[in-house]
C-alpha atoms as a PDB file:
ATOM      1  CA  MET A   1      -9.221 -15.760  20.083  1.00  0.00           C
ATOM      2  CA  LEU A   2     -10.248 -13.635  17.027  1.00  0.00           C
ATOM      3  CA  ARG A   3      -6.759 -13.859  15.468  1.00  0.00           C
ATOM      4  CA  ARG A   4      -6.808 -17.526  16.156  1.00  0.00           C
ATOM      5  CA  SER A   5     -10.242 -18.206  14.468  1.00  0.00           C
ATOM      6  CA  PHE A   6      -9.254 -15.922  11.433  1.00  0.00           C
ATOM      7  CA  ALA A   7      -6.103 -18.087  11.093  1.00  0.00           C
ATOM      8  CA  VAL A   8      -7.929 -21.306  11.088  1.00  0.00           C
ATOM      9  CA  VAL A   9     -10.505 -20.053   8.581  1.00  0.00           C
ATOM     10  CA  LEU A  10      -7.721 -18.772   6.311  1.00  0.00           C
ATOM     11  CA  ALA A  11      -5.958 -22.062   6.585  1.00  0.00           C
ATOM     12  CA  ILE A  12      -9.118 -24.007   5.787  1.00  0.00           C
ATOM     13  CA  PHE A  13      -9.835 -21.734   2.564  1.00  0.00           C
ATOM     14  CA  LEU A  14      -6.096 -22.099   1.341  1.00  0.00           C
ATOM     15  CA  LEU A  15      -6.382 -25.893   1.720  1.00  0.00           C
ATOM     16  CA  SER A  16      -9.678 -26.326   0.168  1.00  0.00           C
ATOM     17  CA  THR A  17      -9.714 -23.754  -2.692  1.00  0.00           C
ATOM     18  CA  SER A  18      -9.176 -25.521  -5.958  1.00  0.00           C
ATOM     19  CA  TRP A  19      -6.768 -23.438  -8.215  1.00  0.00           C
ATOM     20  CA  GLY A  20      -6.008 -24.941 -11.418  1.00  0.00           C
ATOM     21  CA  PRO A  21      -2.840 -24.160 -13.483  1.00  0.00           C
ATOM     22  CA  VAL A  22      -3.052 -20.932 -15.465  1.00  0.00           C
ATOM     23  CA  ARG A  23      -3.213 -21.373 -19.310  1.00  0.00           C
ATOM     24  CA  ALA A  24      -2.894 -18.862 -22.025  1.00  0.00           C
ATOM     25  CA  GLN A  25      -5.019 -17.715 -25.080  1.00  0.00           C
ATOM     26  CA  ASP A  26      -5.992 -18.137 -28.632  1.00  0.00           C
ATOM     27  CA  GLN A  27      -3.897 -17.294 -31.763  1.00  0.00           C
ATOM     28  CA  GLY A  28      -5.058 -13.654 -31.804  1.00  0.00           C
ATOM     29  CA  SER A  29      -4.052 -12.856 -28.121  1.00  0.00           C
ATOM     30  CA  LYS A  30      -1.079 -12.549 -26.091  1.00  0.00           C
ATOM     31  CA  TYR A  31      -0.649 -13.241 -22.264  1.00  0.00           C
ATOM     32  CA  PHE A  32       1.491 -11.109 -20.033  1.00  0.00           C
ATOM     33  CA  SER A  33       2.699 -12.841 -17.080  1.00  0.00           C
ATOM     34  CA  GLU A  34       4.177  -9.901 -15.382  1.00  0.00           C
ATOM     35  CA  THR A  35       0.650  -8.496 -14.668  1.00  0.00           C
ATOM     36  CA  GLY A  36      -1.702 -11.514 -15.625  1.00  0.00           C
ATOM     37  CA  HIS A  37      -3.607 -10.117 -18.224  1.00  0.00           C
ATOM     38  CA  ASN A  38      -4.324 -10.801 -21.987  1.00  0.00           C
ATOM     39  CA  VAL A  39      -4.173  -8.376 -25.065  1.00  0.00           C
ATOM     40  CA  LYS A  40      -6.088  -9.567 -28.045  1.00  0.00           C
ATOM     41  CA  GLY A  41      -7.577  -8.812 -31.474  1.00  0.00           C
ATOM     42  CA  GLU A  42      -7.001  -5.189 -32.824  1.00  0.00           C
ATOM     43  CA  PHE A  43      -5.715  -4.129 -29.560  1.00  0.00           C
ATOM     44  CA  LEU A  44      -2.890  -6.582 -29.847  1.00  0.00           C
ATOM     45  CA  VAL A  45      -2.297  -5.504 -33.472  1.00  0.00           C
ATOM     46  CA  PHE A  46      -2.017  -1.976 -32.487  1.00  0.00           C
ATOM     47  CA  TYR A  47       0.235  -2.876 -29.347  1.00  0.00           C
ATOM     48  CA  ASN A  48       2.553  -5.133 -31.536  1.00  0.00           C
ATOM     49  CA  SER A  49       2.770  -2.339 -34.338  1.00  0.00           C
ATOM     50  CA  ASN A  50       4.863  -0.263 -32.081  1.00  0.00           C
ATOM     51  CA  PRO A  51       8.429  -1.544 -31.638  1.00  0.00           C
ATOM     52  CA  ASN A  52       8.619   0.362 -28.297  1.00  0.00           C
ATOM     53  CA  ALA A  53       5.138  -0.681 -26.982  1.00  0.00           C
ATOM     54  CA  LEU A  54       6.474  -2.147 -23.749  1.00  0.00           C
ATOM     55  CA  PHE A  55       8.485   1.064 -22.922  1.00  0.00           C
ATOM     56  CA  LEU A  56       5.754   3.438 -24.035  1.00  0.00           C
ATOM     57  CA  TYR A  57       2.695   1.816 -23.065  1.00  0.00           C
ATOM     58  CA  GLY A  58       3.817  -0.711 -20.356  1.00  0.00           C
ATOM     59  CA  TYR A  59       1.984  -4.009 -19.570  1.00  0.00           C
ATOM     60  CA  PRO A  60      -1.730  -4.292 -19.583  1.00  0.00           C
ATOM     61  CA  ILE A  61      -3.267  -3.772 -16.245  1.00  0.00           C
ATOM     62  CA  THR A  62      -6.869  -5.013 -16.989  1.00  0.00           C
ATOM     63  CA  GLU A  63      -8.556  -7.032 -19.592  1.00  0.00           C
ATOM     64  CA  GLU A  64     -10.410  -5.420 -22.580  1.00  0.00           C
ATOM     65  CA  PHE A  65     -13.859  -4.415 -21.227  1.00  0.00           C
ATOM     66  CA  VAL A  66     -16.802  -2.008 -21.969  1.00  0.00           C
ATOM     67  CA  ASP A  67     -16.596   1.074 -19.842  1.00  0.00           C
ATOM     68  CA  LYS A  68     -19.443   3.101 -18.289  1.00  0.00           C
ATOM     69  CA  SER A  69     -19.568   5.227 -21.482  1.00  0.00           C
ATOM     70  CA  ASN A  70     -20.027   1.980 -23.409  1.00  0.00           C
ATOM     71  CA  LYS A  71     -16.819   2.266 -25.029  1.00  0.00           C
ATOM     72  CA  THR A  72     -14.579  -0.835 -25.423  1.00  0.00           C
ATOM     73  CA  VAL A  73     -11.144  -0.033 -23.606  1.00  0.00           C
ATOM     74  CA  GLN A  74      -8.235  -1.564 -22.154  1.00  0.00           C
ATOM     75  CA  TYR A  75      -5.865  -0.080 -19.680  1.00  0.00           C
ATOM     76  CA  PHE A  76      -1.954  -0.372 -19.731  1.00  0.00           C
ATOM     77  CA  GLN A  77       0.464   0.903 -17.158  1.00  0.00           C
ATOM     78  CA  ARG A  78       0.954   4.126 -19.207  1.00  0.00           C
ATOM     79  CA  ALA A  79      -1.695   4.206 -21.617  1.00  0.00           C
ATOM     80  CA  ARG A  80      -5.556   3.376 -22.339  1.00  0.00           C
ATOM     81  CA  PHE A  81      -6.638   1.920 -25.634  1.00  0.00           C
ATOM     82  CA  GLU A  82     -10.066   2.701 -26.988  1.00  0.00           C
ATOM     83  CA  TYR A  83     -11.828   0.908 -29.781  1.00  0.00           C
ATOM     84  CA  ASP A  84     -13.933   3.014 -32.241  1.00  0.00           C
ATOM     85  CA  PRO A  85     -15.710   0.703 -34.861  1.00  0.00           C
ATOM     86  CA  ASN A  86     -16.799   3.656 -36.866  1.00  0.00           C
ATOM     87  CA  GLN A  87     -13.265   4.232 -38.013  1.00  0.00           C
ATOM     88  CA  PRO A  88     -11.688   2.524 -41.084  1.00  0.00           C
ATOM     89  CA  ALA A  89      -9.769  -0.863 -40.675  1.00  0.00           C
ATOM     90  CA  GLY A  90      -6.285  -0.224 -39.234  1.00  0.00           C
ATOM     91  CA  GLN A  91      -7.417   3.125 -37.300  1.00  0.00           C
ATOM     92  CA  ARG A  92      -9.938   1.789 -34.961  1.00  0.00           C
ATOM     93  CA  VAL A  93      -7.657   1.705 -32.041  1.00  0.00           C
ATOM     94  CA  LEU A  94      -6.955   5.084 -30.440  1.00  0.00           C
ATOM     95  CA  LEU A  95      -4.906   6.186 -27.412  1.00  0.00           C
ATOM     96  CA  THR A  96      -6.919   7.954 -24.789  1.00  0.00           C
ATOM     97  CA  GLN A  97      -5.831  11.539 -24.006  1.00  0.00           C
ATOM     98  CA  LEU A  98      -4.421  10.702 -20.693  1.00  0.00           C
ATOM     99  CA  GLY A  99      -2.422  13.893 -20.558  1.00  0.00           C
ATOM    100  CA  ARG A 100      -5.528  16.081 -21.004  1.00  0.00           C
ATOM    101  CA  GLN A 101      -7.659  13.919 -18.817  1.00  0.00           C
ATOM    102  CA  THR A 102      -5.247  14.078 -15.736  1.00  0.00           C
ATOM    103  CA  PHE A 103      -3.483  17.466 -16.009  1.00  0.00           C
ATOM    104  CA  VAL A 104      -4.065  19.788 -13.122  1.00  0.00           C
ATOM    105  CA  SER A 105      -1.378  22.554 -13.373  1.00  0.00           C
ATOM    106  CA  THR A 106       0.908  23.241 -10.333  1.00  0.00           C
ATOM    107  CA  GLY A 107       2.415  26.218 -11.979  1.00  0.00           C
ATOM    108  CA  PRO A 108       5.096  26.366 -14.769  1.00  0.00           C
ATOM    109  CA  LEU A 109       8.847  26.138 -14.097  1.00  0.00           C
ATOM    110  CA  ASN A 110      11.014  28.956 -15.686  1.00  0.00           C
ATOM    111  CA  VAL A 111      13.155  27.754 -18.716  1.00  0.00           C
ATOM    112  CA  ALA A 112      15.751  30.192 -19.484  1.00  0.00           C
ATOM    113  CA  ASN A 113      17.292  28.739 -22.845  1.00  0.00           C
ATOM    114  CA  THR A 114      14.699  28.735 -25.423  1.00  0.00           C
ATOM    115  CA  LEU A 115      17.255  27.942 -28.187  1.00  0.00           C
ATOM    116  CA  ALA A 116      17.058  24.240 -27.105  1.00  0.00           C
ATOM    117  CA  CYS A 117      13.195  24.138 -27.491  1.00  0.00           C
ATOM    118  CA  ARG A 118      10.676  23.826 -30.254  1.00  0.00           C
ATOM    119  CA  THR A 119       7.424  25.497 -29.637  1.00  0.00           C
ATOM    120  CA  TYR A 120       4.019  24.247 -31.183  1.00  0.00           C
ATOM    121  CA  SER A 121       1.714  26.784 -32.450  1.00  0.00           C
ATOM    122  CA  GLU A 122      -1.161  24.531 -31.947  1.00  0.00           C
ATOM    123  CA  THR A 123      -1.136  24.669 -28.167  1.00  0.00           C
ATOM    124  CA  GLY A 124       1.495  27.540 -27.472  1.00  0.00           C
ATOM    125  CA  TYR A 125       3.835  25.269 -25.607  1.00  0.00           C
ATOM    126  CA  ALA A 126       7.567  24.312 -26.215  1.00  0.00           C
ATOM    127  CA  VAL A 127       9.217  20.990 -25.911  1.00  0.00           C
ATOM    128  CA  CYS A 128      12.928  21.315 -24.681  1.00  0.00           C
ATOM    129  CA  PHE A 129      16.137  19.655 -23.875  1.00  0.00           C
ATOM    130  CA  ALA A 130      16.182  15.917 -23.134  1.00  0.00           C
ATOM    131  CA  PHE A 131      12.343  15.985 -23.295  1.00  0.00           C
ATOM    132  CA  LEU A 132      12.587  17.157 -26.868  1.00  0.00           C
ATOM    133  CA  GLU A 133      15.055  14.488 -27.887  1.00  0.00           C
ATOM    134  CA  PHE A 134      12.901  11.748 -26.389  1.00  0.00           C
ATOM    135  CA  PHE A 135       9.769  13.233 -27.935  1.00  0.00           C
ATOM    136  CA  ASP A 136      11.304  13.071 -31.429  1.00  0.00           C
ATOM    137  CA  GLN A 137      12.920   9.692 -30.748  1.00  0.00           C
ATOM    138  CA  TYR A 138       9.669   7.853 -29.839  1.00  0.00           C
ATOM    139  CA  GLY A 139       7.035   9.282 -32.193  1.00  0.00           C
ATOM    140  CA  GLY A 140       6.527  12.882 -31.703  1.00  0.00           C
ATOM    141  CA  VAL A 141       3.095  14.253 -32.093  1.00  0.00           C
ATOM    142  CA  THR A 142       1.730  11.033 -33.488  1.00  0.00           C
ATOM    143  CA  GLN A 143       2.578   9.168 -30.390  1.00  0.00           C
ATOM    144  CA  PHE A 144       2.143  11.852 -27.600  1.00  0.00           C
ATOM    145  CA  GLY A 145       0.084  14.447 -28.985  1.00  0.00           C
ATOM    146  CA  TYR A 146       0.929  18.260 -28.741  1.00  0.00           C
ATOM    147  CA  PRO A 147       2.520  19.594 -25.430  1.00  0.00           C
ATOM    148  CA  ILE A 148      -0.271  21.139 -23.119  1.00  0.00           C
ATOM    149  CA  SER A 149       2.039  22.493 -20.379  1.00  0.00           C
ATOM    150  CA  GLY A 150       5.547  23.549 -20.010  1.00  0.00           C
ATOM    151  CA  PHE A 151       7.953  22.028 -17.381  1.00  0.00           C
ATOM    152  CA  GLU A 152       6.163  21.451 -14.109  1.00  0.00           C
ATOM    153  CA  TYR A 153       6.902  19.991 -10.704  1.00  0.00           C
ATOM    154  CA  HIS A 154       4.517  16.964  -9.953  1.00  0.00           C
ATOM    155  CA  GLU A 155       5.054  14.283  -7.215  1.00  0.00           C
ATOM    156  CA  ASN A 156       8.571  15.627  -6.559  1.00  0.00           C
ATOM    157  CA  LYS A 157       9.465  15.288 -10.195  1.00  0.00           C
ATOM    158  CA  ILE A 158       9.956  17.621 -13.140  1.00  0.00           C
ATOM    159  CA  VAL A 159       7.191  16.767 -15.829  1.00  0.00           C
ATOM    160  CA  GLN A 160       5.697  17.841 -18.879  1.00  0.00           C
ATOM    161  CA  TYR A 161       2.346  17.017 -20.062  1.00  0.00           C
ATOM    162  CA  PHE A 162       1.086  16.065 -23.634  1.00  0.00           C
ATOM    163  CA  GLU A 163      -2.210  15.282 -24.830  1.00  0.00           C
ATOM    164  CA  LYS A 164      -1.674  11.637 -24.672  1.00  0.00           C
ATOM    165  CA  ALA A 165       1.030  11.219 -22.066  1.00  0.00           C
ATOM    166  CA  ARG A 166       3.202  12.726 -19.619  1.00  0.00           C
ATOM    167  CA  LEU A 167       7.003  12.781 -19.597  1.00  0.00           C
ATOM    168  CA  GLU A 168       9.060  12.878 -16.459  1.00  0.00           C
ATOM    169  CA  TRP A 169      12.655  13.362 -15.623  1.00  0.00           C
ATOM    170  CA  GLN A 170      14.280  10.769 -13.412  1.00  0.00           C
ATOM    171  CA  PRO A 171      17.762  12.114 -12.655  1.00  0.00           C
ATOM    172  CA  TRP A 172      18.934   9.057 -10.546  1.00  0.00           C
ATOM    173  CA  LYS A 173      18.971   6.859 -13.912  1.00  0.00           C
ATOM    174  CA  MET A 174      21.775   6.546 -16.198  1.00  0.00           C
ATOM    175  CA  GLU A 175      22.265   9.356 -18.727  1.00  0.00           C
ATOM    176  CA  GLY A 176      20.169   8.779 -21.873  1.00  0.00           C
ATOM    177  CA  GLN A 177      17.550   6.872 -19.749  1.00  0.00           C
ATOM    178  CA  ARG A 178      16.420   9.574 -17.523  1.00  0.00           C
ATOM    179  CA  VAL A 179      13.222  10.658 -19.459  1.00  0.00           C
ATOM    180  CA  VAL A 180      10.368   8.289 -19.182  1.00  0.00           C
ATOM    181  CA  VAL A 181       6.624   7.953 -19.752  1.00  0.00           C
ATOM    182  CA  SER A 182       4.659   8.271 -16.521  1.00  0.00           C
ATOM    183  CA  ASP A 183       2.303   5.681 -15.418  1.00  0.00           C
ATOM    184  CA  LEU A 184      -0.803   7.597 -16.155  1.00  0.00           C
ATOM    185  CA  GLY A 185      -2.908   4.335 -17.098  1.00  0.00           C
ATOM    186  CA  ARG A 186      -3.356   3.490 -13.514  1.00  0.00           C
ATOM    187  CA  MET A 187      -3.779   7.051 -12.451  1.00  0.00           C
ATOM    188  CA  TYR A 188      -6.669   7.562 -14.883  1.00  0.00           C
ATOM    189  CA  PHE A 189      -8.139   4.214 -13.744  1.00  0.00           C
ATOM    190  CA  ASP A 190      -8.329   5.449 -10.331  1.00  0.00           C
ATOM    191  CA  THR A 191      -9.478   8.944 -11.299  1.00  0.00           C
ATOM    192  CA  LEU A 192     -12.544   7.471 -13.184  1.00  0.00           C
ATOM    193  CA  GLY A 193     -13.423   5.215 -10.146  1.00  0.00           C
ATOM    194  CA  GLU A 194     -13.155   1.979 -12.398  1.00  0.00           C
ATOM    195  CA  ASP A 195     -14.086  -1.392 -10.653  1.00  0.00           C
ATOM    196  CA  PRO A 196     -10.849  -2.436  -8.895  1.00  0.00           C
ATOM    197  CA  GLY A 197     -11.689  -6.048  -9.530  1.00  0.00           C
ATOM    198  CA  LEU A 198     -10.632  -5.471 -13.154  1.00  0.00           C
ATOM    199  CA  LEU A 199      -7.063  -5.153 -11.896  1.00  0.00           C
ATOM    200  CA  SER A 200      -7.018  -8.836 -10.646  1.00  0.00           C
ATOM    201  CA  PRO A 201      -4.950 -11.362 -12.715  1.00  0.00           C
ATOM    202  CA  VAL A 202      -6.884 -13.517 -14.974  1.00  0.00           C
ATOM    203  CA  LYS A 203      -6.109 -16.909 -16.746  1.00  0.00           C
ATOM    204  CA  PRO A 204      -4.443 -16.916 -20.186  1.00  0.00           C
ATOM    205  CA  LEU A 205      -6.564 -17.626 -23.195  1.00  0.00           C
ATOM    206  CA  ASN A 206      -4.402 -20.130 -24.750  1.00  0.00           C
ATOM    207  CA  ASN A 207      -3.037 -23.543 -24.010  1.00  0.00           C
ATOM    208  CA  THR A 208       0.463 -22.469 -22.842  1.00  0.00           C
ATOM    209  CA  THR A 209       1.355 -22.478 -19.209  1.00  0.00           C
ATOM    210  CA  GLN A 210       2.190 -18.948 -17.962  1.00  0.00           C
ATOM    211  CA  ASP A 211       5.696 -18.125 -17.126  1.00  0.00           C
ATOM    212  CA  VAL A 212       6.629 -17.975 -13.526  1.00  0.00           C
ATOM    213  CA  ILE A 213       8.647 -14.843 -13.020  1.00  0.00           C
ATOM    214  CA  SER A 214       8.864 -14.350  -9.212  1.00  0.00           C
ATOM    215  CA  LEU A 215       7.994 -16.208  -6.198  1.00  0.00           C
ATOM    216  CA  GLN A 216       5.845 -14.643  -3.397  1.00  0.00           C
ATOM    217  CA  VAL A 217       6.441 -16.709  -0.082  1.00  0.00           C
ATOM    218  CA  ARG A 218       4.249 -16.251   3.028  1.00  0.00           C
ATOM    219  CA  ALA A 219       3.804 -17.930   6.158  1.00  0.00           C
ATOM    220  CA  PHE A 220       1.664 -17.879   9.184  1.00  0.00           C
ATOM    221  CA  VAL A 221       1.079 -19.850  12.404  1.00  0.00           C
ATOM    222  CA  TRP A 222      -2.219 -21.558  13.336  1.00  0.00           C
ATOM    223  CA  LYS A 223      -1.954 -19.940  16.978  1.00  0.00           C
ATOM    224  CA  ALA A 224      -0.336 -16.555  17.662  1.00  0.00           C
ATOM    225  CA  VAL A 225       0.243 -17.557  21.296  1.00  0.00           C
ATOM    226  CA  THR A 226       0.491 -21.204  22.824  1.00  0.00           C
ATOM    227  CA  LEU A 227       0.988 -22.931  26.024  1.00  0.00           C
ATOM    228  CA  SER A 228       4.379 -23.862  27.406  1.00  0.00           C
ATOM    229  CA  SER A 229       3.569 -27.415  26.313  1.00  0.00           C
ATOM    230  CA  ASP A 230       1.625 -27.486  23.122  1.00  0.00           C
ATOM    231  CA  SER A 231       1.294 -28.147  19.442  1.00  0.00           C
ATOM    232  CA  GLN A 232       1.414 -25.675  16.452  1.00  0.00           C
ATOM    233  CA  LEU A 233       1.120 -25.735  12.565  1.00  0.00           C
ATOM    234  CA  VAL A 234       3.027 -23.582  10.336  1.00  0.00           C
ATOM    235  CA  PHE A 235       1.447 -22.727   7.035  1.00  0.00           C
ATOM    236  CA  VAL A 236       3.564 -21.905   4.083  1.00  0.00           C
ATOM    237  CA  ILE A 237       2.023 -20.409   0.857  1.00  0.00           C
ATOM    238  CA  VAL A 238       4.067 -20.087  -2.342  1.00  0.00           C
ATOM    239  CA  GLN A 239       2.587 -18.102  -5.238  1.00  0.00           C
ATOM    240  CA  ASP A 240       3.617 -16.348  -8.488  1.00  0.00           C
ATOM    241  CA  GLN A 241       3.794 -12.818  -9.407  1.00  0.00           C
ATOM    242  CA  ASN A 242       0.040 -13.033 -10.039  1.00  0.00           C
ATOM    243  CA  LEU A 243      -0.645 -14.814  -6.704  1.00  0.00           C
ATOM    244  CA  GLN A 244      -1.266 -18.137  -8.490  1.00  0.00           C
ATOM    245  CA  PRO A 245      -0.417 -21.211  -6.596  1.00  0.00           C
ATOM    246  CA  ILE A 246       2.859 -22.908  -7.176  1.00  0.00           C
ATOM    247  CA  ALA A 247       2.726 -26.570  -6.853  1.00  0.00           C
ATOM    248  CA  ASN A 248       5.930 -28.621  -6.011  1.00  0.00           C
ATOM    249  CA  ALA A 249       7.917 -25.697  -4.670  1.00  0.00           C
ATOM    250  CA  THR A 250      10.848 -26.916  -2.515  1.00  0.00           C
ATOM    251  CA  CYS A 251      10.995 -25.282   0.957  1.00  0.00           C
ATOM    252  CA  SER A 252      13.003 -25.224   4.201  1.00  0.00           C
ATOM    253  CA  THR A 253      11.768 -24.090   7.366  1.00  0.00           C
ATOM    254  CA  MET A 254      14.012 -23.370  10.084  1.00  0.00           C
ATOM    255  CA  VAL A 255      12.550 -23.233  13.643  1.00  0.00           C
ATOM    256  CA  HIS A 256      14.501 -21.095  16.334  1.00  0.00           C
ATOM    257  CA  TRP A 257      13.893 -22.461  19.757  1.00  0.00           C
ATOM    258  CA  PRO A 258      14.523 -20.455  23.087  1.00  0.00           C
ATOM    259  CA  ASP A 259      17.460 -22.746  24.253  1.00  0.00           C
ATOM    260  CA  GLY A 260      19.451 -21.744  20.987  1.00  0.00           C
ATOM    261  CA  ARG A 261      18.561 -24.974  19.005  1.00  0.00           C
ATOM    262  CA  THR A 262      17.427 -24.806  15.416  1.00  0.00           C
ATOM    263  CA  GLU A 263      15.182 -27.447  13.810  1.00  0.00           C
ATOM    264  CA  THR A 264      14.967 -27.700  10.079  1.00  0.00           C
ATOM    265  CA  VAL A 265      12.013 -29.259   8.406  1.00  0.00           C
ATOM    266  CA  PRO A 266      11.743 -29.703   4.507  1.00  0.00           C
ATOM    267  CA  LEU A 267       8.410 -29.531   2.651  1.00  0.00           C
ATOM    268  CA  THR A 268       6.971 -29.440  -0.906  1.00  0.00           C
ATOM    269  CA  THR A 269       3.978 -27.513  -1.601  1.00  0.00           C
ATOM    270  CA  ASN A 270       0.756 -29.198  -2.806  1.00  0.00           C
ATOM    271  CA  THR A 271      -1.390 -28.218  -5.645  1.00  0.00           C
ATOM    272  CA  ASN A 272      -2.608 -25.288  -3.804  1.00  0.00           C
ATOM    273  CA  GLY A 273       0.703 -23.995  -3.454  1.00  0.00           C
ATOM    274  CA  VAL A 274       0.539 -24.748   0.464  1.00  0.00           C
ATOM    275  CA  GLY A 275       2.724 -26.754   2.699  1.00  0.00           C
ATOM    276  CA  ILE A 276       2.283 -27.532   6.442  1.00  0.00           C
ATOM    277  CA  VAL A 277       4.876 -27.828   9.238  1.00  0.00           C
ATOM    278  CA  PRO A 278       3.506 -29.554  12.423  1.00  0.00           C
ATOM    279  CA  LEU A 279       5.379 -28.674  15.651  1.00  0.00           C
ATOM    280  CA  SER A 280       5.097 -30.206  19.241  1.00  0.00           C
ATOM    281  CA  PHE A 281       6.980 -28.944  22.129  1.00  0.00           C
ATOM    282  CA  VAL A 282       7.196 -29.177  26.065  1.00  0.00           C
ATOM    283  CA  SER A 283       8.228 -26.879  28.689  1.00  0.00           C
ATOM    284  CA  GLN A 284       9.267 -23.735  26.759  1.00  0.00           C
ATOM    285  CA  PRO A 285       9.943 -20.821  28.681  1.00  0.00           C
ATOM    286  CA  TYR A 286       6.983 -18.418  29.269  1.00  0.00           C
ATOM    287  CA  GLY A 287       7.027 -15.293  27.213  1.00  0.00           C
ATOM    288  CA  SER A 288       9.510 -16.607  24.547  1.00  0.00           C
ATOM    289  CA  LEU A 289       9.318 -15.673  20.866  1.00  0.00           C
ATOM    290  CA  ILE A 290       9.774 -18.562  18.770  1.00  0.00           C
ATOM    291  CA  TYR A 291      10.381 -17.649  15.096  1.00  0.00           C
ATOM    292  CA  THR A 292      10.657 -19.603  11.847  1.00  0.00           C
ATOM    293  CA  ASP A 293      12.550 -18.784   8.733  1.00  0.00           C
ATOM    294  CA  VAL A 294      11.027 -20.076   5.563  1.00  0.00           C
ATOM    295  CA  ALA A 295      13.137 -20.294   2.325  1.00  0.00           C
ATOM    296  CA  CYS A 296      11.403 -21.693  -0.825  1.00  0.00           C
ATOM    297  CA  SER A 297      12.750 -22.344  -4.537  1.00  0.00           C
ATOM    298  CA  PHE A 298      11.156 -23.201  -7.718  1.00  0.00           C
ATOM    299  CA  GLY A 299      13.484 -23.643 -10.712  1.00  0.00           C
ATOM    300  CA  ASN A 300      15.919 -20.887 -10.605  1.00  0.00           C
ATOM    301  CA  LEU A 301      13.662 -18.590  -8.482  1.00  0.00           C
ATOM    302  CA  SER A 302      13.667 -18.248  -4.813  1.00  0.00           C
ATOM    303  CA  GLY A 303      11.839 -16.351  -1.902  1.00  0.00           C
ATOM    304  CA  LYS A 304      12.003 -16.047   1.811  1.00  0.00           C
ATOM    305  CA  THR A 305       9.870 -15.097   4.659  1.00  0.00           C
ATOM    306  CA  THR A 306       9.601 -15.165   8.480  1.00  0.00           C
ATOM    307  CA  THR A 307       6.849 -15.979  10.976  1.00  0.00           C
ATOM    308  CA  SER A 308       6.637 -16.369  14.713  1.00  0.00           C
ATOM    309  CA  PHE A 309       4.573 -17.248  17.876  1.00  0.00           C
ATOM    310  CA  ARG A 310       4.833 -16.414  21.534  1.00  0.00           C
ATOM    311  CA  ILE A 311       4.883 -18.684  24.451  1.00  0.00           C
ATOM    312  CA  TRP A 312       2.198 -17.296  26.858  1.00  0.00           C
ATOM    313  CA  TYR A 313       1.871 -19.631  29.961  1.00  0.00           C
END
């Protein structure tokens, strides 16, 4: 009964909630559909000034906000931007020293060949091998700060910490792509206990409809168990990568009955990204599991899911 009540309440919510189309920003901002966040003003200028910004900083995972220390910040997958109004123009955006803030040593790994290394007297640590090539290629001390550890083993990976970042070795990738910047932005966000609500996608700030990059297709039934002769509703929900509703998605639902029959019902989602398939049936075998395959498409994107219910008595 609890499951049935929950399903009904959820269905009412989905059908009654008014989700408008997402729009983007003003001229001084950019919306990232991949994570559903905007970057604006001097933070955007700083982001755009680095030709490797996406690779080094990642996508924004929050909006710009004032943190608990009264500092204006914005989190990215691999960085955090800070705004300091006391600095001269063009130098007011700083990178948080995520490496220093998140580093907890697990013990150094032995590096035998010091000829392939460069030691920094400022901290006493060396950068070696492919890490050194990556370090030099993508901005060196200016971008990453000085090394604050040697090679260490963290989360089943070889890593090295720098003042502003952490580099990690991913041997399963192609040669030349095995050194990457760790996702310390989200790690630091969690470490500080920031409000998880800040991670939720928001609407763009301009008048351009956001890009739909992927489809999230979900389905559930009104009743988890039914009578042998009964009625049922299958709810289909189609959303984008930021869980915003996709209207006019074309879906096909294929119901598999216990006697081997399949029943295909087409539907198109409404403005809330929801479609409903009504089912009626008689004399179905007790204990049978009836499942429904759902396939939806929108433009050149597609997604699938499955739901089911059981004949109880």
